Amino acid sequence: MLKSVECGAQLNNNEAGITRLVEGLFSLLDGEMAVAALIGEGNRAIPALRRVLLEGKPSTVYLPRQRIVRTLGEIGAFSVLREYLQEERQISDSVLRLAEEAVENTAARELGHCHSDENLDLLLRLVMSRRLPGAVEALTEFRRPEAAPAFVAALESDFCRNAAIDGIRQIYNAAIPHLIESVRSPEPSRKEESPTSLRRRRSAARLLAEQETTGHNWSSLEFLLYERDEWLQSCGAELGFLANRSEDALRILLTHLNSKDWVLVDEIARCLRQHCHLVEGHIRRETEVTSNSASVQDERRCRLLRWVVGPATIPSEGEDIVA
């Protein structure tokens, strides 16, 4: 194989040499050498690479096809990658379908290296229609406000969520209306909301609370205080407390400190610590009342409240917060 790569690299204008290099992409040992050699060939390598990518069959060993995609991206053959991503492939075998999706994700990420309108339009379509993780990651490279609806929609996918959150943070002001609309839109209905819809709304509400979106937006979000889901209600309480210093909102936050979800407890603690000057007196008063109780639950709550007030009151090493 190594001899084929070296031979092919010497035949710059020879189609047979380029064919050998493309074959080299399928070598476990020398595949990366073939990538480098083909990049050196530049545009001359595009027809052979395009033919193998578009006419070749998906395989459970998808690394060679990823190498083809990477090589095309390095050469700048983005039109070929767009052509590949727009093809409809009916793959019945689930293993083959997952393998080819890995190639598609690689192709989408390559499009993120060229910020053309054509690449942006295709990536937006891929995110909205297929929730392709590579497309979401590529979109974050553009930092374009028109990507906000796609990012918010992608919050429902466990595979896309982290990249979508990163993308939203980069264009946050443009995303605010879409985040609010997402929080207000349980699907298919409020009574029979799907798990993916709930995850999307939780993520959108957390982003709004994290960025302290208040003021004129509060009237659109006040309903969160009455949600049954503790994550949504807690995010609404954070926003409500920051918007109008509502005692009801603060009470909800303190109530959810008893949650068994420690990620949620940590988020609430972060919010209260960040605004400790506004809540410290209230928390200390509640701590004094709770500390006189003999209840195990009240003791746990008292220790949690002390933990929230500040680092100085965090339990020492070896002391469990949960009594």
C-alpha atoms as a PDB file:
ATOM      1  CA  MET A   1       0.000   0.000   0.000  1.00  0.00           C
ATOM      2  CA  LEU A   2       2.792   2.441   0.904  1.00  0.00           C
ATOM      3  CA  LYS A   3       4.367   1.872  -2.502  1.00  0.00           C
ATOM      4  CA  SER A   4       1.018   2.659  -4.149  1.00  0.00           C
ATOM      5  CA  VAL A   5       0.770   5.944  -2.252  1.00  0.00           C
ATOM      6  CA  GLU A   6       4.318   6.925  -3.172  1.00  0.00           C
ATOM      7  CA  CYS A   7       3.788   5.900  -6.784  1.00  0.00           C
ATOM      8  CA  GLY A   8       0.487   7.732  -7.026  1.00  0.00           C
ATOM      9  CA  ALA A   9       1.969  10.892  -5.518  1.00  0.00           C
ATOM     10  CA  GLN A  10       4.541  10.989  -8.283  1.00  0.00           C
ATOM     11  CA  LEU A  11       1.896  10.807 -11.025  1.00  0.00           C
ATOM     12  CA  ASN A  12       0.477  14.282 -10.554  1.00  0.00           C
ATOM     13  CA  ASN A  13      -1.297  14.395 -13.893  1.00  0.00           C
ATOM     14  CA  ASN A  14      -2.094  10.721 -14.138  1.00  0.00           C
ATOM     15  CA  GLU A  15      -5.649   9.638 -13.371  1.00  0.00           C
ATOM     16  CA  ALA A  16      -4.415   6.164 -12.505  1.00  0.00           C
ATOM     17  CA  GLY A  17      -2.155   7.675  -9.835  1.00  0.00           C
ATOM     18  CA  ILE A  18      -5.034   9.558  -8.257  1.00  0.00           C
ATOM     19  CA  THR A  19      -7.118   6.387  -8.340  1.00  0.00           C
ATOM     20  CA  ARG A  20      -4.393   4.583  -6.416  1.00  0.00           C
ATOM     21  CA  LEU A  21      -4.343   7.370  -3.855  1.00  0.00           C
ATOM     22  CA  VAL A  22      -8.131   7.141  -3.424  1.00  0.00           C
ATOM     23  CA  GLU A  23      -7.784   3.400  -2.935  1.00  0.00           C
ATOM     24  CA  GLY A  24      -5.182   4.210  -0.319  1.00  0.00           C
ATOM     25  CA  LEU A  25      -7.830   5.942   1.778  1.00  0.00           C
ATOM     26  CA  PHE A  26      -9.162   2.474   2.614  1.00  0.00           C
ATOM     27  CA  SER A  27      -5.873   1.364   4.149  1.00  0.00           C
ATOM     28  CA  LEU A  28      -5.813   1.125   7.934  1.00  0.00           C
ATOM     29  CA  LEU A  29      -2.111   1.924   8.145  1.00  0.00           C
ATOM     30  CA  ASP A  30      -1.517   4.344   5.271  1.00  0.00           C
ATOM     31  CA  GLY A  31      -4.905   6.035   4.910  1.00  0.00           C
ATOM     32  CA  GLU A  32      -3.769   9.336   6.424  1.00  0.00           C
ATOM     33  CA  MET A  33      -0.795   9.444   4.052  1.00  0.00           C
ATOM     34  CA  ALA A  34      -3.230   9.083   1.170  1.00  0.00           C
ATOM     35  CA  VAL A  35      -5.287  11.986   2.558  1.00  0.00           C
ATOM     36  CA  ALA A  36      -2.218  14.232   2.605  1.00  0.00           C
ATOM     37  CA  ALA A  37      -1.190  13.179  -0.906  1.00  0.00           C
ATOM     38  CA  LEU A  38      -4.690  13.797  -2.323  1.00  0.00           C
ATOM     39  CA  ILE A  39      -4.875  17.222  -0.706  1.00  0.00           C
ATOM     40  CA  GLY A  40      -1.638  17.954  -2.510  1.00  0.00           C
ATOM     41  CA  GLU A  41      -3.277  16.987  -5.786  1.00  0.00           C
ATOM     42  CA  GLY A  42      -5.889  19.690  -5.233  1.00  0.00           C
ATOM     43  CA  ASN A  43      -8.758  20.012  -7.699  1.00  0.00           C
ATOM     44  CA  ARG A  44      -7.431  17.165  -9.857  1.00  0.00           C
ATOM     45  CA  ALA A  45      -8.510  14.730  -7.129  1.00  0.00           C
ATOM     46  CA  ILE A  46     -12.107  15.964  -6.897  1.00  0.00           C
ATOM     47  CA  PRO A  47     -13.716  13.848  -9.672  1.00  0.00           C
ATOM     48  CA  ALA A  48     -12.331  10.567  -8.299  1.00  0.00           C
ATOM     49  CA  LEU A  49     -13.245  11.465  -4.712  1.00  0.00           C
ATOM     50  CA  ARG A  50     -16.735  12.568  -5.760  1.00  0.00           C
ATOM     51  CA  ARG A  51     -17.322   9.319  -7.642  1.00  0.00           C
ATOM     52  CA  VAL A  52     -16.364   7.135  -4.679  1.00  0.00           C
ATOM     53  CA  LEU A  53     -18.365   9.230  -2.198  1.00  0.00           C
ATOM     54  CA  LEU A  54     -21.573   9.446  -4.237  1.00  0.00           C
ATOM     55  CA  GLU A  55     -21.487   6.053  -5.936  1.00  0.00           C
ATOM     56  CA  GLY A  56     -19.794   4.026  -3.212  1.00  0.00           C
ATOM     57  CA  LYS A  57     -21.830   1.901  -0.834  1.00  0.00           C
ATOM     58  CA  PRO A  58     -22.141   2.653   2.882  1.00  0.00           C
ATOM     59  CA  SER A  59     -20.084   0.401   5.125  1.00  0.00           C
ATOM     60  CA  THR A  60     -19.949  -0.367   8.806  1.00  0.00           C
ATOM     61  CA  VAL A  61     -16.259   0.554   8.514  1.00  0.00           C
ATOM     62  CA  TYR A  62     -16.954   4.222   7.835  1.00  0.00           C
ATOM     63  CA  LEU A  63     -13.494   5.725   8.434  1.00  0.00           C
ATOM     64  CA  PRO A  64     -12.463   5.565   4.739  1.00  0.00           C
ATOM     65  CA  ARG A  65     -15.572   7.474   3.678  1.00  0.00           C
ATOM     66  CA  GLN A  66     -14.915  10.029   6.417  1.00  0.00           C
ATOM     67  CA  ARG A  67     -11.410  10.444   4.974  1.00  0.00           C
ATOM     68  CA  ILE A  68     -12.925  11.141   1.563  1.00  0.00           C
ATOM     69  CA  VAL A  69     -15.154  13.812   3.077  1.00  0.00           C
ATOM     70  CA  ARG A  70     -12.286  15.386   5.012  1.00  0.00           C
ATOM     71  CA  THR A  71     -10.116  15.448   1.894  1.00  0.00           C
ATOM     72  CA  LEU A  72     -12.856  17.148  -0.124  1.00  0.00           C
ATOM     73  CA  GLY A  73     -13.266  19.685   2.651  1.00  0.00           C
ATOM     74  CA  GLU A  74      -9.541  20.434   2.761  1.00  0.00           C
ATOM     75  CA  ILE A  75      -9.458  20.874  -1.013  1.00  0.00           C
ATOM     76  CA  GLY A  76     -12.464  23.203  -0.788  1.00  0.00           C
ATOM     77  CA  ALA A  77     -14.883  21.043  -2.790  1.00  0.00           C
ATOM     78  CA  PHE A  78     -17.884  22.149  -0.735  1.00  0.00           C
ATOM     79  CA  SER A  79     -20.263  21.795  -3.680  1.00  0.00           C
ATOM     80  CA  VAL A  80     -19.567  18.040  -3.677  1.00  0.00           C
ATOM     81  CA  LEU A  81     -20.234  17.833   0.071  1.00  0.00           C
ATOM     82  CA  ARG A  82     -23.515  19.723  -0.377  1.00  0.00           C
ATOM     83  CA  GLU A  83     -24.466  17.352  -3.190  1.00  0.00           C
ATOM     84  CA  TYR A  84     -23.724  14.369  -0.937  1.00  0.00           C
ATOM     85  CA  LEU A  85     -25.697  15.747   2.012  1.00  0.00           C
ATOM     86  CA  GLN A  86     -28.726  16.524  -0.142  1.00  0.00           C
ATOM     87  CA  GLU A  87     -28.947  12.983  -1.506  1.00  0.00           C
ATOM     88  CA  GLU A  88     -31.743  10.852  -0.066  1.00  0.00           C
ATOM     89  CA  ARG A  89     -30.354   7.495   1.014  1.00  0.00           C
ATOM     90  CA  GLN A  90     -32.717   4.699   1.985  1.00  0.00           C
ATOM     91  CA  ILE A  91     -30.691   2.405   4.242  1.00  0.00           C
ATOM     92  CA  SER A  92     -32.773  -0.293   5.893  1.00  0.00           C
ATOM     93  CA  ASP A  93     -29.998  -1.808   7.995  1.00  0.00           C
ATOM     94  CA  SER A  94     -29.793   0.183  11.244  1.00  0.00           C
ATOM     95  CA  VAL A  95     -26.051  -0.438  11.736  1.00  0.00           C
ATOM     96  CA  LEU A  96     -25.230   0.711   8.207  1.00  0.00           C
ATOM     97  CA  ARG A  97     -27.511   3.716   8.649  1.00  0.00           C
ATOM     98  CA  LEU A  98     -25.680   4.794  11.823  1.00  0.00           C
ATOM     99  CA  ALA A  99     -22.317   4.314  10.115  1.00  0.00           C
ATOM    100  CA  GLU A 100     -23.298   6.465   7.164  1.00  0.00           C
ATOM    101  CA  GLU A 101     -24.697   9.095   9.502  1.00  0.00           C
ATOM    102  CA  ALA A 102     -21.203   9.390  10.982  1.00  0.00           C
ATOM    103  CA  VAL A 103     -19.970  10.234   7.473  1.00  0.00           C
ATOM    104  CA  GLU A 104     -22.777  12.763   7.033  1.00  0.00           C
ATOM    105  CA  ASN A 105     -21.885  14.416  10.324  1.00  0.00           C
ATOM    106  CA  THR A 106     -18.285  14.727   9.181  1.00  0.00           C
ATOM    107  CA  ALA A 107     -19.424  16.281   5.894  1.00  0.00           C
ATOM    108  CA  ALA A 108     -21.624  18.779   7.737  1.00  0.00           C
ATOM    109  CA  ARG A 109     -18.743  19.772  10.022  1.00  0.00           C
ATOM    110  CA  GLU A 110     -16.572  20.394   6.958  1.00  0.00           C
ATOM    111  CA  LEU A 111     -19.190  22.838   5.638  1.00  0.00           C
ATOM    112  CA  GLY A 112     -18.709  24.813   8.839  1.00  0.00           C
ATOM    113  CA  HIS A 113     -15.223  25.758   7.627  1.00  0.00           C
ATOM    114  CA  CYS A 114     -16.649  27.808   4.767  1.00  0.00           C
ATOM    115  CA  HIS A 115     -19.201  30.445   5.810  1.00  0.00           C
ATOM    116  CA  SER A 116     -20.990  30.772   2.496  1.00  0.00           C
ATOM    117  CA  ASP A 117     -24.736  31.372   2.205  1.00  0.00           C
ATOM    118  CA  GLU A 118     -25.103  28.048   0.365  1.00  0.00           C
ATOM    119  CA  ASN A 119     -23.514  26.154   3.239  1.00  0.00           C
ATOM    120  CA  LEU A 120     -25.562  28.052   5.802  1.00  0.00           C
ATOM    121  CA  ASP A 121     -28.852  27.330   4.024  1.00  0.00           C
ATOM    122  CA  LEU A 122     -28.121  23.613   3.746  1.00  0.00           C
ATOM    123  CA  LEU A 123     -27.032  23.296   7.372  1.00  0.00           C
ATOM    124  CA  LEU A 124     -30.198  25.042   8.531  1.00  0.00           C
ATOM    125  CA  ARG A 125     -32.305  22.589   6.538  1.00  0.00           C
ATOM    126  CA  LEU A 126     -30.390  19.619   7.925  1.00  0.00           C
ATOM    127  CA  VAL A 127     -30.910  20.756  11.502  1.00  0.00           C
ATOM    128  CA  MET A 128     -34.612  21.482  11.062  1.00  0.00           C
ATOM    129  CA  SER A 129     -35.388  18.279   9.175  1.00  0.00           C
ATOM    130  CA  ARG A 130     -33.021  15.714  10.690  1.00  0.00           C
ATOM    131  CA  ARG A 131     -31.434  17.148  13.857  1.00  0.00           C
ATOM    132  CA  LEU A 132     -28.019  16.159  12.483  1.00  0.00           C
ATOM    133  CA  PRO A 133     -25.450  16.800  15.278  1.00  0.00           C
ATOM    134  CA  GLY A 134     -22.644  17.658  12.847  1.00  0.00           C
ATOM    135  CA  ALA A 135     -24.848  20.283  11.227  1.00  0.00           C
ATOM    136  CA  VAL A 136     -25.612  21.887  14.601  1.00  0.00           C
ATOM    137  CA  GLU A 137     -21.907  21.977  15.449  1.00  0.00           C
ATOM    138  CA  ALA A 138     -21.096  23.496  12.053  1.00  0.00           C
ATOM    139  CA  LEU A 139     -23.766  26.172  12.498  1.00  0.00           C
ATOM    140  CA  THR A 140     -22.111  27.373  15.700  1.00  0.00           C
ATOM    141  CA  GLU A 141     -19.127  28.393  13.573  1.00  0.00           C
ATOM    142  CA  PHE A 142     -21.250  30.884  11.617  1.00  0.00           C
ATOM    143  CA  ARG A 143     -22.518  32.917  14.596  1.00  0.00           C
ATOM    144  CA  ARG A 144     -25.471  34.043  12.465  1.00  0.00           C
ATOM    145  CA  PRO A 145     -28.741  35.216  14.068  1.00  0.00           C
ATOM    146  CA  GLU A 146     -30.845  33.408  11.461  1.00  0.00           C
ATOM    147  CA  ALA A 147     -29.667  30.121  12.997  1.00  0.00           C
ATOM    148  CA  ALA A 148     -31.543  30.846  16.251  1.00  0.00           C
ATOM    149  CA  PRO A 149     -34.750  28.892  15.373  1.00  0.00           C
ATOM    150  CA  ALA A 150     -32.691  25.862  14.333  1.00  0.00           C
ATOM    151  CA  PHE A 151     -30.647  25.926  17.529  1.00  0.00           C
ATOM    152  CA  VAL A 152     -33.767  26.185  19.697  1.00  0.00           C
ATOM    153  CA  ALA A 153     -35.448  23.316  17.824  1.00  0.00           C
ATOM    154  CA  ALA A 154     -32.311  21.186  18.282  1.00  0.00           C
ATOM    155  CA  LEU A 155     -32.589  21.483  22.082  1.00  0.00           C
ATOM    156  CA  GLU A 156     -34.973  18.516  21.973  1.00  0.00           C
ATOM    157  CA  SER A 157     -32.199  16.149  20.809  1.00  0.00           C
ATOM    158  CA  ASP A 158     -29.864  14.584  23.356  1.00  0.00           C
ATOM    159  CA  PHE A 159     -27.194  14.386  20.642  1.00  0.00           C
ATOM    160  CA  CYS A 160     -27.528  18.027  19.541  1.00  0.00           C
ATOM    161  CA  ARG A 161     -28.348  19.836  22.791  1.00  0.00           C
ATOM    162  CA  ASN A 162     -24.878  20.806  23.993  1.00  0.00           C
ATOM    163  CA  ALA A 163     -23.856  22.208  20.606  1.00  0.00           C
ATOM    164  CA  ALA A 164     -27.216  23.983  20.283  1.00  0.00           C
ATOM    165  CA  ILE A 165     -26.738  25.622  23.694  1.00  0.00           C
ATOM    166  CA  ASP A 166     -23.282  26.826  22.642  1.00  0.00           C
ATOM    167  CA  GLY A 167     -24.751  28.255  19.445  1.00  0.00           C
ATOM    168  CA  ILE A 168     -27.569  30.024  21.301  1.00  0.00           C
ATOM    169  CA  ARG A 169     -25.166  31.631  23.760  1.00  0.00           C
ATOM    170  CA  GLN A 170     -23.215  33.140  20.855  1.00  0.00           C
ATOM    171  CA  ILE A 171     -26.311  34.849  19.404  1.00  0.00           C
ATOM    172  CA  TYR A 172     -28.349  35.113  22.585  1.00  0.00           C
ATOM    173  CA  ASN A 173     -30.254  38.336  21.912  1.00  0.00           C
ATOM    174  CA  ALA A 174     -31.498  37.023  18.566  1.00  0.00           C
ATOM    175  CA  ALA A 175     -32.541  33.760  20.231  1.00  0.00           C
ATOM    176  CA  ILE A 176     -34.615  35.267  23.075  1.00  0.00           C
ATOM    177  CA  PRO A 177     -37.971  35.398  21.200  1.00  0.00           C
ATOM    178  CA  HIS A 178     -37.487  31.840  19.957  1.00  0.00           C
ATOM    179  CA  LEU A 179     -36.585  30.595  23.438  1.00  0.00           C
ATOM    180  CA  ILE A 180     -39.689  32.214  24.901  1.00  0.00           C
ATOM    181  CA  GLU A 181     -41.870  30.739  22.165  1.00  0.00           C
ATOM    182  CA  SER A 182     -40.282  27.316  22.766  1.00  0.00           C
ATOM    183  CA  VAL A 183     -40.988  27.463  26.511  1.00  0.00           C
ATOM    184  CA  ARG A 184     -44.588  28.355  25.740  1.00  0.00           C
ATOM    185  CA  SER A 185     -45.057  25.496  23.237  1.00  0.00           C
ATOM    186  CA  PRO A 186     -45.484  22.022  24.767  1.00  0.00           C
ATOM    187  CA  GLU A 187     -46.008  19.362  22.110  1.00  0.00           C
ATOM    188  CA  PRO A 188     -48.314  17.775  21.232  1.00  0.00           C
ATOM    189  CA  SER A 189     -50.244  19.392  24.091  1.00  0.00           C
ATOM    190  CA  ARG A 190     -49.780  20.531  27.683  1.00  0.00           C
ATOM    191  CA  LYS A 191     -51.677  17.515  29.039  1.00  0.00           C
ATOM    192  CA  GLU A 192     -49.833  14.954  26.915  1.00  0.00           C
ATOM    193  CA  GLU A 193     -46.415  16.538  26.453  1.00  0.00           C
ATOM    194  CA  SER A 194     -43.745  14.288  24.949  1.00  0.00           C
ATOM    195  CA  PRO A 195     -40.407  13.726  26.734  1.00  0.00           C
ATOM    196  CA  THR A 196     -38.511  15.442  23.889  1.00  0.00           C
ATOM    197  CA  SER A 197     -40.758  18.496  24.125  1.00  0.00           C
ATOM    198  CA  LEU A 198     -40.234  18.682  27.895  1.00  0.00           C
ATOM    199  CA  ARG A 199     -36.451  18.470  27.472  1.00  0.00           C
ATOM    200  CA  ARG A 200     -36.563  21.244  24.882  1.00  0.00           C
ATOM    201  CA  ARG A 201     -38.662  23.497  27.129  1.00  0.00           C
ATOM    202  CA  ARG A 202     -36.458  22.798  30.151  1.00  0.00           C
ATOM    203  CA  SER A 203     -33.328  23.703  28.206  1.00  0.00           C
ATOM    204  CA  ALA A 204     -34.909  26.858  26.801  1.00  0.00           C
ATOM    205  CA  ALA A 205     -36.129  27.944  30.255  1.00  0.00           C
ATOM    206  CA  ARG A 206     -32.702  27.266  31.772  1.00  0.00           C
ATOM    207  CA  LEU A 207     -31.026  29.417  29.093  1.00  0.00           C
ATOM    208  CA  LEU A 208     -33.442  32.251  29.817  1.00  0.00           C
ATOM    209  CA  ALA A 209     -32.827  31.981  33.560  1.00  0.00           C
ATOM    210  CA  GLU A 210     -29.079  31.624  33.111  1.00  0.00           C
ATOM    211  CA  GLN A 211     -28.876  34.884  31.160  1.00  0.00           C
ATOM    212  CA  GLU A 212     -31.279  36.591  33.574  1.00  0.00           C
ATOM    213  CA  THR A 213     -33.796  37.482  30.888  1.00  0.00           C
ATOM    214  CA  THR A 214     -36.228  39.720  32.752  1.00  0.00           C
ATOM    215  CA  GLY A 215     -37.970  43.056  32.281  1.00  0.00           C
ATOM    216  CA  HIS A 216     -40.532  43.221  29.483  1.00  0.00           C
ATOM    217  CA  ASN A 217     -40.173  39.457  28.879  1.00  0.00           C
ATOM    218  CA  TRP A 218     -41.509  38.501  32.303  1.00  0.00           C
ATOM    219  CA  SER A 219     -45.175  38.799  31.332  1.00  0.00           C
ATOM    220  CA  SER A 220     -44.584  36.091  28.707  1.00  0.00           C
ATOM    221  CA  LEU A 221     -42.917  33.791  31.220  1.00  0.00           C
ATOM    222  CA  GLU A 222     -44.911  34.274  34.420  1.00  0.00           C
ATOM    223  CA  PHE A 223     -46.917  31.136  33.670  1.00  0.00           C
ATOM    224  CA  LEU A 224     -43.801  29.095  34.519  1.00  0.00           C
ATOM    225  CA  LEU A 225     -44.493  29.674  38.215  1.00  0.00           C
ATOM    226  CA  TYR A 226     -47.517  27.380  37.852  1.00  0.00           C
ATOM    227  CA  GLU A 227     -45.885  24.582  35.834  1.00  0.00           C
ATOM    228  CA  ARG A 228     -46.002  21.103  37.346  1.00  0.00           C
ATOM    229  CA  ASP A 229     -42.460  20.256  36.269  1.00  0.00           C
ATOM    230  CA  GLU A 230     -40.006  21.352  38.987  1.00  0.00           C
ATOM    231  CA  TRP A 231     -37.296  22.361  36.503  1.00  0.00           C
ATOM    232  CA  LEU A 232     -39.637  24.674  34.591  1.00  0.00           C
ATOM    233  CA  GLN A 233     -41.126  26.073  37.772  1.00  0.00           C
ATOM    234  CA  SER A 234     -37.688  26.727  39.283  1.00  0.00           C
ATOM    235  CA  CYS A 235     -36.474  28.508  36.141  1.00  0.00           C
ATOM    236  CA  GLY A 236     -39.628  30.617  36.225  1.00  0.00           C
ATOM    237  CA  ALA A 237     -39.036  31.386  39.888  1.00  0.00           C
ATOM    238  CA  GLU A 238     -35.478  32.549  39.146  1.00  0.00           C
ATOM    239  CA  LEU A 239     -36.768  34.853  36.419  1.00  0.00           C
ATOM    240  CA  GLY A 240     -39.616  36.106  38.599  1.00  0.00           C
ATOM    241  CA  PHE A 241     -37.353  36.845  41.521  1.00  0.00           C
ATOM    242  CA  LEU A 242     -34.962  38.812  39.318  1.00  0.00           C
ATOM    243  CA  ALA A 243     -37.810  40.632  37.558  1.00  0.00           C
ATOM    244  CA  ASN A 244     -39.727  41.886  40.584  1.00  0.00           C
ATOM    245  CA  ARG A 245     -38.118  40.428  43.734  1.00  0.00           C
ATOM    246  CA  SER A 246     -41.262  38.346  44.198  1.00  0.00           C
ATOM    247  CA  GLU A 247     -41.599  36.650  47.587  1.00  0.00           C
ATOM    248  CA  ASP A 248     -43.618  33.891  45.898  1.00  0.00           C
ATOM    249  CA  ALA A 249     -40.776  33.250  43.464  1.00  0.00           C
ATOM    250  CA  LEU A 250     -38.202  33.118  46.262  1.00  0.00           C
ATOM    251  CA  ARG A 251     -40.431  30.733  48.215  1.00  0.00           C
ATOM    252  CA  ILE A 252     -40.593  28.407  45.198  1.00  0.00           C
ATOM    253  CA  LEU A 253     -36.804  28.422  44.881  1.00  0.00           C
ATOM    254  CA  LEU A 254     -36.341  27.604  48.552  1.00  0.00           C
ATOM    255  CA  THR A 255     -38.960  24.857  48.325  1.00  0.00           C
ATOM    256  CA  HIS A 256     -37.168  23.187  45.423  1.00  0.00           C
ATOM    257  CA  LEU A 257     -33.960  23.069  47.430  1.00  0.00           C
ATOM    258  CA  ASN A 258     -35.562  19.914  48.843  1.00  0.00           C
ATOM    259  CA  SER A 259     -35.543  18.323  45.370  1.00  0.00           C
ATOM    260  CA  LYS A 260     -33.881  14.937  44.905  1.00  0.00           C
ATOM    261  CA  ASP A 261     -32.391  16.250  41.656  1.00  0.00           C
ATOM    262  CA  TRP A 262     -29.005  17.559  42.767  1.00  0.00           C
ATOM    263  CA  VAL A 263     -28.334  19.219  39.427  1.00  0.00           C
ATOM    264  CA  LEU A 264     -31.449  21.322  39.981  1.00  0.00           C
ATOM    265  CA  VAL A 265     -30.447  22.048  43.587  1.00  0.00           C
ATOM    266  CA  ASP A 266     -27.040  23.223  42.394  1.00  0.00           C
ATOM    267  CA  GLU A 267     -28.623  25.550  39.807  1.00  0.00           C
ATOM    268  CA  ILE A 268     -30.878  27.095  42.459  1.00  0.00           C
ATOM    269  CA  ALA A 269     -27.932  27.488  44.833  1.00  0.00           C
ATOM    270  CA  ARG A 270     -25.952  29.212  42.084  1.00  0.00           C
ATOM    271  CA  CYS A 271     -28.756  31.702  41.507  1.00  0.00           C
ATOM    272  CA  LEU A 272     -29.236  32.442  45.212  1.00  0.00           C
ATOM    273  CA  ARG A 273     -25.519  32.818  45.845  1.00  0.00           C
ATOM    274  CA  GLN A 274     -25.197  35.137  42.868  1.00  0.00           C
ATOM    275  CA  HIS A 275     -27.806  37.400  44.465  1.00  0.00           C
ATOM    276  CA  CYS A 276     -26.899  36.624  48.055  1.00  0.00           C
ATOM    277  CA  HIS A 277     -27.221  40.265  49.123  1.00  0.00           C
ATOM    278  CA  LEU A 278     -30.940  40.081  48.251  1.00  0.00           C
ATOM    279  CA  VAL A 279     -31.766  36.775  49.925  1.00  0.00           C
ATOM    280  CA  GLU A 280     -29.261  36.289  52.741  1.00  0.00           C
ATOM    281  CA  GLY A 281     -31.475  37.852  55.404  1.00  0.00           C
ATOM    282  CA  HIS A 282     -34.486  35.750  54.373  1.00  0.00           C
ATOM    283  CA  ILE A 283     -32.417  32.552  54.287  1.00  0.00           C
ATOM    284  CA  ARG A 284     -30.817  33.209  57.660  1.00  0.00           C
ATOM    285  CA  ARG A 285     -34.227  33.838  59.243  1.00  0.00           C
ATOM    286  CA  GLU A 286     -35.555  30.579  57.817  1.00  0.00           C
ATOM    287  CA  THR A 287     -32.400  28.781  58.958  1.00  0.00           C
ATOM    288  CA  GLU A 288     -32.953  29.973  62.541  1.00  0.00           C
ATOM    289  CA  VAL A 289     -36.532  28.686  62.507  1.00  0.00           C
ATOM    290  CA  THR A 290     -35.617  25.364  60.895  1.00  0.00           C
ATOM    291  CA  SER A 291     -32.626  24.723  63.174  1.00  0.00           C
ATOM    292  CA  ASN A 292     -34.935  24.409  66.193  1.00  0.00           C
ATOM    293  CA  SER A 293     -36.794  21.478  64.641  1.00  0.00           C
ATOM    294  CA  ALA A 294     -36.045  17.862  65.547  1.00  0.00           C
ATOM    295  CA  SER A 295     -37.188  16.648  62.123  1.00  0.00           C
ATOM    296  CA  VAL A 296     -34.573  14.902  59.980  1.00  0.00           C
ATOM    297  CA  GLN A 297     -36.007  16.621  56.894  1.00  0.00           C
ATOM    298  CA  ASP A 298     -35.794  20.034  58.568  1.00  0.00           C
ATOM    299  CA  GLU A 299     -32.212  19.337  59.624  1.00  0.00           C
ATOM    300  CA  ARG A 300     -31.316  18.503  56.026  1.00  0.00           C
ATOM    301  CA  ARG A 301     -33.042  21.669  54.850  1.00  0.00           C
ATOM    302  CA  CYS A 302     -31.225  23.765  57.463  1.00  0.00           C
ATOM    303  CA  ARG A 303     -27.863  22.475  56.304  1.00  0.00           C
ATOM    304  CA  LEU A 304     -28.800  23.127  52.685  1.00  0.00           C
ATOM    305  CA  LEU A 305     -29.766  26.696  53.484  1.00  0.00           C
ATOM    306  CA  ARG A 306     -26.470  27.270  55.257  1.00  0.00           C
ATOM    307  CA  TRP A 307     -24.654  25.797  52.272  1.00  0.00           C
ATOM    308  CA  VAL A 308     -26.454  28.201  49.937  1.00  0.00           C
ATOM    309  CA  VAL A 309     -25.596  31.302  51.964  1.00  0.00           C
ATOM    310  CA  GLY A 310     -21.907  31.059  51.215  1.00  0.00           C
ATOM    311  CA  PRO A 311     -18.733  28.964  50.930  1.00  0.00           C
ATOM    312  CA  ALA A 312     -17.903  29.575  54.586  1.00  0.00           C
ATOM    313  CA  THR A 313     -20.839  27.433  55.637  1.00  0.00           C
ATOM    314  CA  ILE A 314     -20.291  24.529  53.235  1.00  0.00           C
ATOM    315  CA  PRO A 315     -20.016  21.291  55.241  1.00  0.00           C
ATOM    316  CA  SER A 316     -16.481  20.205  55.938  1.00  0.00           C
ATOM    317  CA  GLU A 317     -14.900  17.189  54.235  1.00  0.00           C
ATOM    318  CA  GLY A 318     -16.519  13.971  55.313  1.00  0.00           C
ATOM    319  CA  GLU A 319     -19.755  15.679  56.362  1.00  0.00           C
ATOM    320  CA  ASP A 320     -22.707  14.710  54.204  1.00  0.00           C
ATOM    321  CA  ILE A 321     -25.171  17.462  53.288  1.00  0.00           C
ATOM    322  CA  VAL A 322     -27.962  14.893  53.210  1.00  0.00           C
ATOM    323  CA  ALA A 323     -28.728  13.964  56.795  1.00  0.00           C
END
